């Protein structure tokens, strides 16, 4: 409550200063910091181990807001997570999220039933990722297919860019999107991990 009042007071001061075109740098910094504190106040972080590696997780009361791809060590996973959310609090991960991701990593889970927080996504990226989420376990679709589904058939390249910046990979399965010629295409976690996930799902045979 105090944080919200402080932000409102600073915003009013900033608006008044804008009218007179006088905005001290100290006021701008204080407003930015207050907004950051409000933004991260409701975010919780956790890292936990799966068969694929150490996973970093960020969530709010609305659901999962970010999932970092598996890392080799706990320290690496935690460092990446705190770099993205420097003011958030580290706690234990919710058991339901841990269970579903571990079951997936073991090849026992084919779909996720976890709430997601979409608030950080712009409309185009959300449309792309919601469409990717509909691709069944063990199957793939092309970038062009995604573009067709969202009503932008010439936007295959933009689809690829939206998928590369997917904040909740695996749960939003951008790894199931491949090139039209059957090639794997790109992946933020690297082609080796993309191949590993598709092999786990039976979408391609292990070499």
Protein backbone atom coordinates (compact mmCIF):
# COMPACT_ATOMS: atom_id res chain seq x y z
CA UNK A 1 0.00 0.00 0.00
CA UNK A 2 2.77 2.45 0.92
CA UNK A 3 4.57 1.58 -2.33
CA UNK A 4 1.44 2.35 -4.39
CA UNK A 5 0.92 5.72 -2.65
CA UNK A 6 4.57 6.57 -3.22
CA UNK A 7 4.29 5.75 -6.92
CA UNK A 8 1.12 7.84 -7.27
CA UNK A 9 2.75 10.80 -5.54
CA UNK A 10 5.84 10.53 -7.74
CA UNK A 11 3.76 10.17 -10.88
CA UNK A 12 1.80 13.32 -10.00
CA UNK A 13 5.04 15.21 -9.36
CA UNK A 14 6.47 13.94 -12.65
CA UNK A 15 3.38 15.06 -14.57
CA UNK A 16 3.55 18.52 -13.02
CA UNK A 17 7.25 18.77 -13.91
CA UNK A 18 6.56 17.62 -17.46
CA UNK A 19 4.17 20.56 -17.87
CA UNK A 20 7.02 22.89 -16.98
CA UNK A 21 9.63 20.74 -18.78
CA UNK A 22 11.71 20.41 -15.58
CA UNK A 23 12.32 16.82 -14.48
CA UNK A 24 15.32 16.36 -12.19
CA UNK A 25 17.23 13.12 -12.81
CA UNK A 26 16.83 12.19 -9.13
CA UNK A 27 13.03 12.26 -9.47
CA UNK A 28 13.11 10.10 -12.59
CA UNK A 29 15.37 7.56 -10.87
CA UNK A 30 13.13 7.41 -7.80
CA UNK A 31 10.03 6.85 -9.91
CA UNK A 32 11.70 4.09 -11.93
CA UNK A 33 12.89 2.36 -8.76
CA UNK A 34 9.44 2.58 -7.15
CA UNK A 35 7.84 1.05 -10.24
CA UNK A 36 10.42 -1.73 -10.31
CA UNK A 37 9.76 -2.51 -6.65
CA UNK A 38 6.04 -2.74 -7.37
CA UNK A 39 6.63 -4.88 -10.47
CA UNK A 40 8.83 -7.42 -8.72
CA UNK A 41 7.06 -7.42 -5.34
CA UNK A 42 4.67 -10.14 -6.44
CA UNK A 43 7.21 -12.31 -8.30
CA UNK A 44 8.71 -15.41 -6.71
CA UNK A 45 11.70 -17.38 -7.99
CA UNK A 46 12.82 -20.97 -7.54
CA UNK A 47 15.22 -23.47 -9.06
CA UNK A 48 14.86 -27.23 -8.98
CA UNK A 49 16.39 -30.25 -10.65
CA UNK A 50 14.84 -32.41 -13.36
CA UNK A 51 16.20 -35.18 -15.54
CA UNK A 52 16.92 -32.52 -18.18
CA UNK A 53 18.90 -30.33 -15.75
CA UNK A 54 18.32 -27.47 -13.31
CA UNK A 55 15.28 -25.39 -14.20
CA UNK A 56 14.71 -21.76 -13.18
CA UNK A 57 11.16 -20.63 -12.54
CA UNK A 58 9.45 -17.26 -11.94
CA UNK A 59 5.77 -16.91 -11.08
CA UNK A 60 3.14 -14.50 -9.78
CA UNK A 61 -0.28 -15.02 -8.23
CA UNK A 62 -1.61 -15.27 -11.79
CA UNK A 63 0.72 -18.09 -12.81
CA UNK A 64 4.12 -18.81 -14.35
CA UNK A 65 5.70 -15.73 -15.91
CA UNK A 66 9.08 -17.20 -16.93
CA UNK A 67 10.82 -20.55 -17.21
CA UNK A 68 14.54 -20.80 -17.89
CA UNK A 69 15.71 -23.74 -19.95
CA UNK A 70 17.67 -26.45 -18.11
CA UNK A 71 21.17 -25.60 -16.89
CA UNK A 72 23.97 -27.91 -15.78
CA UNK A 73 24.16 -26.60 -12.20
CA UNK A 74 21.89 -25.01 -9.61
CA UNK A 75 24.18 -21.97 -9.38
CA UNK A 76 23.96 -21.37 -13.12
CA UNK A 77 20.17 -21.67 -13.12
CA UNK A 78 19.79 -19.33 -10.16
CA UNK A 79 22.22 -16.77 -11.59
CA UNK A 80 20.32 -16.57 -14.88
CA UNK A 81 17.02 -16.22 -13.06
CA UNK A 82 18.18 -13.46 -10.72
CA UNK A 83 19.73 -11.60 -13.63
CA UNK A 84 16.29 -11.40 -15.22
CA UNK A 85 14.44 -10.64 -11.95
CA UNK A 86 16.98 -8.96 -9.64
CA UNK A 87 14.49 -7.78 -7.03
CA UNK A 88 12.29 -10.87 -6.81
CA UNK A 89 12.28 -13.24 -3.82
CA UNK A 90 13.75 -16.75 -3.97
CA UNK A 91 11.53 -19.40 -2.33
CA UNK A 92 10.66 -23.07 -2.79
CA UNK A 93 8.89 -23.92 -6.04
CA UNK A 94 5.19 -24.89 -5.87
CA UNK A 95 4.98 -28.71 -5.71
CA UNK A 96 2.52 -28.94 -8.62
CA UNK A 97 4.90 -27.13 -10.98
CA UNK A 98 7.87 -29.24 -9.89
CA UNK A 99 5.86 -32.45 -10.30
CA UNK A 100 4.61 -31.66 -13.81
CA UNK A 101 8.01 -30.56 -15.14
CA UNK A 102 9.76 -33.58 -13.63
CA UNK A 103 7.13 -35.90 -15.09
CA UNK A 104 7.64 -34.26 -18.49
CA UNK A 105 11.41 -34.66 -18.26
CA UNK A 106 10.90 -38.35 -17.52
CA UNK A 107 8.66 -38.75 -20.56
CA UNK A 108 5.54 -39.41 -18.50
CA UNK A 109 3.61 -36.17 -19.06
CA UNK A 110 2.24 -35.10 -22.44
CA UNK A 111 0.49 -31.84 -21.47
CA UNK A 112 0.72 -29.22 -18.74
CA UNK A 113 -2.13 -28.07 -16.52
CA UNK A 114 -0.35 -25.07 -15.01
CA UNK A 115 -1.65 -21.47 -14.90
CA UNK A 116 0.38 -18.97 -16.91
CA UNK A 117 0.85 -15.23 -16.47
CA UNK A 118 0.72 -13.72 -19.98
CA UNK A 119 1.07 -10.11 -18.81
CA UNK A 120 4.60 -9.59 -20.17
CA UNK A 121 3.67 -10.62 -23.73
CA UNK A 122 2.61 -8.35 -26.56
CA UNK A 123 -0.47 -9.41 -28.61
CA UNK A 124 1.46 -10.81 -31.59
CA UNK A 125 3.80 -12.93 -29.47
CA UNK A 126 0.93 -14.17 -27.35
CA UNK A 127 -0.98 -15.22 -30.48
CA UNK A 128 2.09 -17.10 -31.74
CA UNK A 129 2.71 -18.86 -28.42
CA UNK A 130 -0.94 -19.73 -27.83
CA UNK A 131 -0.95 -21.36 -31.27
CA UNK A 132 2.29 -23.23 -30.55
CA UNK A 133 0.72 -24.47 -27.31
CA UNK A 134 -1.90 -26.29 -29.38
CA UNK A 135 0.69 -28.45 -31.19
CA UNK A 136 0.22 -31.97 -29.81
CA UNK A 137 2.95 -33.79 -27.92
CA UNK A 138 5.06 -35.81 -30.34
CA UNK A 139 4.20 -33.65 -33.35
CA UNK A 140 5.73 -30.61 -35.06
CA UNK A 141 4.47 -27.74 -37.20
CA UNK A 142 6.25 -25.19 -39.37
CA UNK A 143 6.82 -21.48 -38.83
CA UNK A 144 4.64 -20.92 -41.89
CA UNK A 145 1.85 -22.98 -40.35
CA UNK A 146 1.88 -20.81 -37.24
CA UNK A 147 1.76 -17.70 -39.42
CA UNK A 148 -1.25 -19.08 -41.31
CA UNK A 149 -3.07 -19.97 -38.09
CA UNK A 150 -2.77 -16.46 -36.65
CA UNK A 151 -3.94 -14.88 -39.91
CA UNK A 152 -0.57 -13.47 -40.98
CA UNK A 153 0.64 -15.87 -43.70
CA UNK A 154 3.63 -13.71 -44.66
CA UNK A 155 4.91 -13.37 -41.10
CA UNK A 156 6.90 -16.62 -40.80
CA UNK A 157 10.11 -14.73 -40.00
CA UNK A 158 8.36 -12.67 -37.30
CA UNK A 159 6.91 -15.89 -35.92
CA UNK A 160 10.45 -17.25 -35.56
CA UNK A 161 11.52 -14.12 -33.68
CA UNK A 162 8.53 -14.36 -31.33
CA UNK A 163 9.31 -18.00 -30.61
CA UNK A 164 12.99 -17.27 -29.90
CA UNK A 165 11.98 -14.84 -27.16
CA UNK A 166 9.44 -17.22 -25.61
CA UNK A 167 9.60 -16.57 -21.84
CA UNK A 168 8.02 -19.92 -20.89
CA UNK A 169 9.67 -22.58 -23.08
CA UNK A 170 8.77 -26.26 -22.81
CA UNK A 171 5.37 -25.40 -21.30
CA UNK A 172 4.77 -23.20 -24.34
CA UNK A 173 6.42 -25.68 -26.75
CA UNK A 174 8.27 -23.50 -29.26
CA UNK A 175 10.60 -26.49 -29.76
CA UNK A 176 7.79 -28.16 -31.74
CA UNK A 177 8.03 -25.52 -34.47
CA UNK A 178 10.43 -26.40 -37.30
CA UNK A 179 11.28 -25.22 -40.80
CA UNK A 180 8.97 -25.93 -43.70
CA UNK A 181 11.58 -28.24 -45.26
CA UNK A 182 11.72 -30.34 -42.11
CA UNK A 183 14.93 -28.81 -40.74
CA UNK A 184 14.98 -28.06 -37.03
CA UNK A 185 15.38 -24.30 -37.42
CA UNK A 186 16.60 -22.20 -34.50
CA UNK A 187 16.13 -22.50 -30.76
CA UNK A 188 17.10 -20.22 -27.89
CA UNK A 189 18.48 -23.18 -25.93
CA UNK A 190 20.50 -24.49 -28.88
CA UNK A 191 19.76 -27.10 -31.53
CA UNK A 192 21.06 -29.94 -29.35
CA UNK A 193 18.44 -29.22 -26.69
CA UNK A 194 15.71 -28.81 -29.29
CA UNK A 195 16.62 -32.19 -30.74
CA UNK A 196 16.67 -33.69 -27.24
CA UNK A 197 13.18 -32.40 -26.42
CA UNK A 198 11.75 -33.62 -29.73
CA UNK A 199 13.39 -37.02 -29.22
CA UNK A 200 11.94 -37.19 -25.70
CA UNK A 201 8.49 -36.56 -27.17
CA UNK A 202 8.97 -39.09 -29.96
CA UNK A 203 8.76 -36.43 -32.67
CA UNK A 204 12.12 -37.59 -34.04
CA UNK A 205 14.25 -40.67 -33.59
CA UNK A 206 17.40 -40.50 -31.53
CA UNK A 207 20.47 -40.73 -33.76
